[in-house]
Amino acid sequence: MGIGDKISNKAEELGGKIERGVGDLTDNEELEAKGAAKEAAAKAKQAGEHVKDAAKDVVDDVKDATHDKRH
């Protein structure tokens, strides 16, 4: 995950938390739900990026191990 993606996802998560909090404070259930949905979507994106990063690390480890055995 690039640093730009990390920042964007965290900003989206924070925006969702703020929106959810404002909805809670103002008893606006629709705003609260929209904020919760944005927060959940951002967390899902972050989880997906973590999976991609982990898969890339595994591929890199296999390449390194294969390279080491050849040399």
N, C-alpha and C. Protein backbone atom coordinates (compact mmCIF):
# COMPACT_ATOMS: atom_id res chain seq x y z
N MET A 1 0.86 -1.16 0.00
CA MET A 1 0.00 0.00 0.00
C MET A 1 0.90 1.22 0.00
N GLY A 2 0.63 2.13 -0.92
CA GLY A 2 1.40 3.35 -0.97
C GLY A 2 1.00 4.30 0.14
N ILE A 3 1.89 5.23 0.44
CA ILE A 3 1.64 6.18 1.52
C ILE A 3 0.40 7.03 1.21
N GLY A 4 0.20 7.35 -0.07
CA GLY A 4 -0.98 8.13 -0.46
C GLY A 4 -2.27 7.39 -0.16
N ASP A 5 -2.27 6.07 -0.44
CA ASP A 5 -3.45 5.25 -0.15
C ASP A 5 -3.70 5.18 1.35
N LYS A 6 -2.62 5.03 2.12
CA LYS A 6 -2.77 4.96 3.58
C LYS A 6 -3.38 6.25 4.12
N ILE A 7 -2.87 7.36 3.64
CA ILE A 7 -3.37 8.66 4.10
C ILE A 7 -4.83 8.84 3.70
N SER A 8 -5.13 8.50 2.46
CA SER A 8 -6.51 8.64 1.96
C SER A 8 -7.48 7.77 2.75
N ASN A 9 -7.09 6.52 3.01
CA ASN A 9 -7.97 5.61 3.76
C ASN A 9 -8.16 6.07 5.20
N LYS A 10 -7.08 6.54 5.83
CA LYS A 10 -7.20 7.04 7.20
C LYS A 10 -8.07 8.29 7.25
N ALA A 11 -7.91 9.16 6.25
CA ALA A 11 -8.72 10.38 6.20
C ALA A 11 -10.19 10.03 6.02
N GLU A 12 -10.46 9.05 5.17
CA GLU A 12 -11.85 8.61 4.96
C GLU A 12 -12.41 8.01 6.24
N GLU A 13 -11.59 7.22 6.94
CA GLU A 13 -12.04 6.63 8.21
C GLU A 13 -12.34 7.72 9.23
N LEU A 14 -11.44 8.69 9.34
CA LEU A 14 -11.64 9.79 10.29
C LEU A 14 -12.88 10.60 9.93
N GLY A 15 -13.07 10.88 8.64
CA GLY A 15 -14.26 11.61 8.21
C GLY A 15 -15.53 10.86 8.58
N GLY A 16 -15.51 9.55 8.42
CA GLY A 16 -16.67 8.73 8.81
C GLY A 16 -16.93 8.78 10.30
N LYS A 17 -15.85 8.74 11.08
CA LYS A 17 -16.00 8.81 12.55
C LYS A 17 -16.61 10.15 12.96
N ILE A 18 -16.11 11.21 12.33
CA ILE A 18 -16.63 12.54 12.65
C ILE A 18 -18.10 12.65 12.26
N GLU A 19 -18.42 12.20 11.06
CA GLU A 19 -19.81 12.26 10.59
C GLU A 19 -20.72 11.43 11.50
N ARG A 20 -20.26 10.25 11.87
CA ARG A 20 -21.04 9.39 12.78
C ARG A 20 -21.24 10.09 14.12
N GLY A 21 -20.17 10.71 14.64
CA GLY A 21 -20.25 11.41 15.92
C GLY A 21 -21.20 12.59 15.88
N VAL A 22 -21.14 13.36 14.80
CA VAL A 22 -22.05 14.50 14.65
C VAL A 22 -23.49 14.00 14.57
N GLY A 23 -23.69 12.92 13.83
CA GLY A 23 -25.03 12.34 13.74
C GLY A 23 -25.54 11.89 15.09
N ASP A 24 -24.66 11.32 15.88
CA ASP A 24 -25.04 10.87 17.23
C ASP A 24 -25.38 12.06 18.12
N LEU A 25 -24.55 13.09 18.07
CA LEU A 25 -24.79 14.27 18.91
C LEU A 25 -26.07 15.02 18.54
N THR A 26 -26.40 15.01 17.27
CA THR A 26 -27.58 15.76 16.81
C THR A 26 -28.82 14.87 16.65
N ASP A 27 -28.70 13.63 17.08
CA ASP A 27 -29.80 12.66 16.93
C ASP A 27 -30.25 12.52 15.48
N ASN A 28 -29.30 12.61 14.57
CA ASN A 28 -29.57 12.45 13.15
C ASN A 28 -29.12 11.04 12.75
N GLU A 29 -30.07 10.12 12.75
CA GLU A 29 -29.74 8.71 12.49
C GLU A 29 -29.20 8.49 11.09
N GLU A 30 -29.70 9.25 10.13
CA GLU A 30 -29.22 9.10 8.74
C GLU A 30 -27.75 9.50 8.64
N LEU A 31 -27.39 10.62 9.24
CA LEU A 31 -26.00 11.08 9.22
C LEU A 31 -25.10 10.10 9.97
N GLU A 32 -25.59 9.61 11.08
CA GLU A 32 -24.84 8.63 11.86
C GLU A 32 -24.59 7.36 11.04
N ALA A 33 -25.60 6.90 10.33
CA ALA A 33 -25.47 5.70 9.50
C ALA A 33 -24.51 5.92 8.34
N LYS A 34 -24.60 7.09 7.70
CA LYS A 34 -23.69 7.41 6.60
C LYS A 34 -22.25 7.44 7.10
N GLY A 35 -22.03 8.02 8.25
CA GLY A 35 -20.69 8.07 8.83
C GLY A 35 -20.17 6.69 9.15
N ALA A 36 -21.02 5.86 9.73
CA ALA A 36 -20.61 4.49 10.06
C ALA A 36 -20.28 3.71 8.79
N ALA A 37 -21.05 3.93 7.73
CA ALA A 37 -20.79 3.25 6.46
C ALA A 37 -19.46 3.68 5.86
N LYS A 38 -19.17 4.99 5.90
CA LYS A 38 -17.89 5.49 5.38
C LYS A 38 -16.72 4.92 6.18
N GLU A 39 -16.90 4.89 7.49
CA GLU A 39 -15.85 4.35 8.36
C GLU A 39 -15.60 2.87 8.05
N ALA A 40 -16.66 2.11 7.90
CA ALA A 40 -16.53 0.68 7.60
C ALA A 40 -15.89 0.46 6.23
N ALA A 41 -16.26 1.27 5.25
CA ALA A 41 -15.68 1.14 3.91
C ALA A 41 -14.18 1.43 3.95
N ALA A 42 -13.79 2.44 4.69
CA ALA A 42 -12.37 2.77 4.79
C ALA A 42 -11.60 1.65 5.47
N LYS A 43 -12.17 1.08 6.52
CA LYS A 43 -11.50 -0.02 7.21
C LYS A 43 -11.39 -1.24 6.30
N ALA A 44 -12.40 -1.48 5.47
CA ALA A 44 -12.35 -2.60 4.53
C ALA A 44 -11.24 -2.38 3.49
N LYS A 45 -11.11 -1.15 3.02
CA LYS A 45 -10.04 -0.84 2.07
C LYS A 45 -8.68 -1.07 2.71
N GLN A 46 -8.54 -0.64 3.96
CA GLN A 46 -7.27 -0.83 4.66
C GLN A 46 -6.95 -2.31 4.82
N ALA A 47 -7.96 -3.10 5.16
CA ALA A 47 -7.75 -4.54 5.31
C ALA A 47 -7.33 -5.16 3.98
N GLY A 48 -7.97 -4.75 2.90
CA GLY A 48 -7.60 -5.25 1.58
C GLY A 48 -6.18 -4.89 1.21
N GLU A 49 -5.77 -3.68 1.53
CA GLU A 49 -4.41 -3.25 1.24
C GLU A 49 -3.40 -4.04 2.08
N HIS A 50 -3.76 -4.35 3.32
CA HIS A 50 -2.87 -5.16 4.17
C HIS A 50 -2.69 -6.55 3.59
N VAL A 51 -3.76 -7.12 3.05
CA VAL A 51 -3.68 -8.44 2.41
C VAL A 51 -2.75 -8.37 1.20
N LYS A 52 -2.91 -7.33 0.39
CA LYS A 52 -2.03 -7.16 -0.78
C LYS A 52 -0.57 -7.04 -0.35
N ASP A 53 -0.32 -6.25 0.68
CA ASP A 53 1.04 -6.08 1.18
C ASP A 53 1.62 -7.40 1.66
N ALA A 54 0.82 -8.17 2.39
CA ALA A 54 1.29 -9.46 2.90
C ALA A 54 1.59 -10.42 1.75
N ALA A 55 0.74 -10.43 0.74
CA ALA A 55 0.97 -11.30 -0.41
C ALA A 55 2.24 -10.90 -1.14
N LYS A 56 2.46 -9.61 -1.29
CA LYS A 56 3.69 -9.12 -1.94
C LYS A 56 4.91 -9.55 -1.13
N ASP A 57 4.82 -9.47 0.19
CA ASP A 57 5.94 -9.89 1.03
C ASP A 57 6.24 -11.37 0.85
N VAL A 58 5.21 -12.20 0.75
CA VAL A 58 5.41 -13.64 0.54
C VAL A 58 6.08 -13.88 -0.80
N VAL A 59 5.61 -13.21 -1.84
CA VAL A 59 6.21 -13.37 -3.17
C VAL A 59 7.67 -12.95 -3.13
N ASP A 60 7.96 -11.83 -2.49
CA ASP A 60 9.34 -11.37 -2.39
C ASP A 60 10.20 -12.37 -1.63
N ASP A 61 9.67 -12.94 -0.55
CA ASP A 61 10.42 -13.94 0.22
C ASP A 61 10.72 -15.18 -0.62
N VAL A 62 9.75 -15.62 -1.41
CA VAL A 62 9.95 -16.79 -2.27
C VAL A 62 11.01 -16.47 -3.33
N LYS A 63 10.93 -15.29 -3.92
CA LYS A 63 11.94 -14.90 -4.91
C LYS A 63 13.33 -14.87 -4.29
N ASP A 64 13.43 -14.31 -3.09
CA ASP A 64 14.72 -14.25 -2.41
C ASP A 64 15.25 -15.64 -2.11
N ALA A 65 14.39 -16.52 -1.63
CA ALA A 65 14.81 -17.88 -1.30
C ALA A 65 15.24 -18.63 -2.55
N THR A 66 14.51 -18.44 -3.63
CA THR A 66 14.86 -19.10 -4.90
C THR A 66 16.18 -18.56 -5.42
N HIS A 67 16.36 -17.26 -5.33
CA HIS A 67 17.60 -16.63 -5.78
C HIS A 67 18.78 -17.14 -4.96
N ASP A 68 18.61 -17.24 -3.65
CA ASP A 68 19.68 -17.71 -2.77
C ASP A 68 20.09 -19.14 -3.10
N LYS A 69 19.14 -19.99 -3.44
CA LYS A 69 19.45 -21.38 -3.76
C LYS A 69 20.20 -21.50 -5.07
N ARG A 70 19.96 -20.59 -5.99
CA ARG A 70 20.64 -20.63 -7.28
C ARG A 70 22.06 -20.11 -7.20
N HIS A 71 22.33 -19.28 -6.21
CA HIS A 71 23.67 -18.64 -6.15
C HIS A 71 24.40 -19.07 -4.94
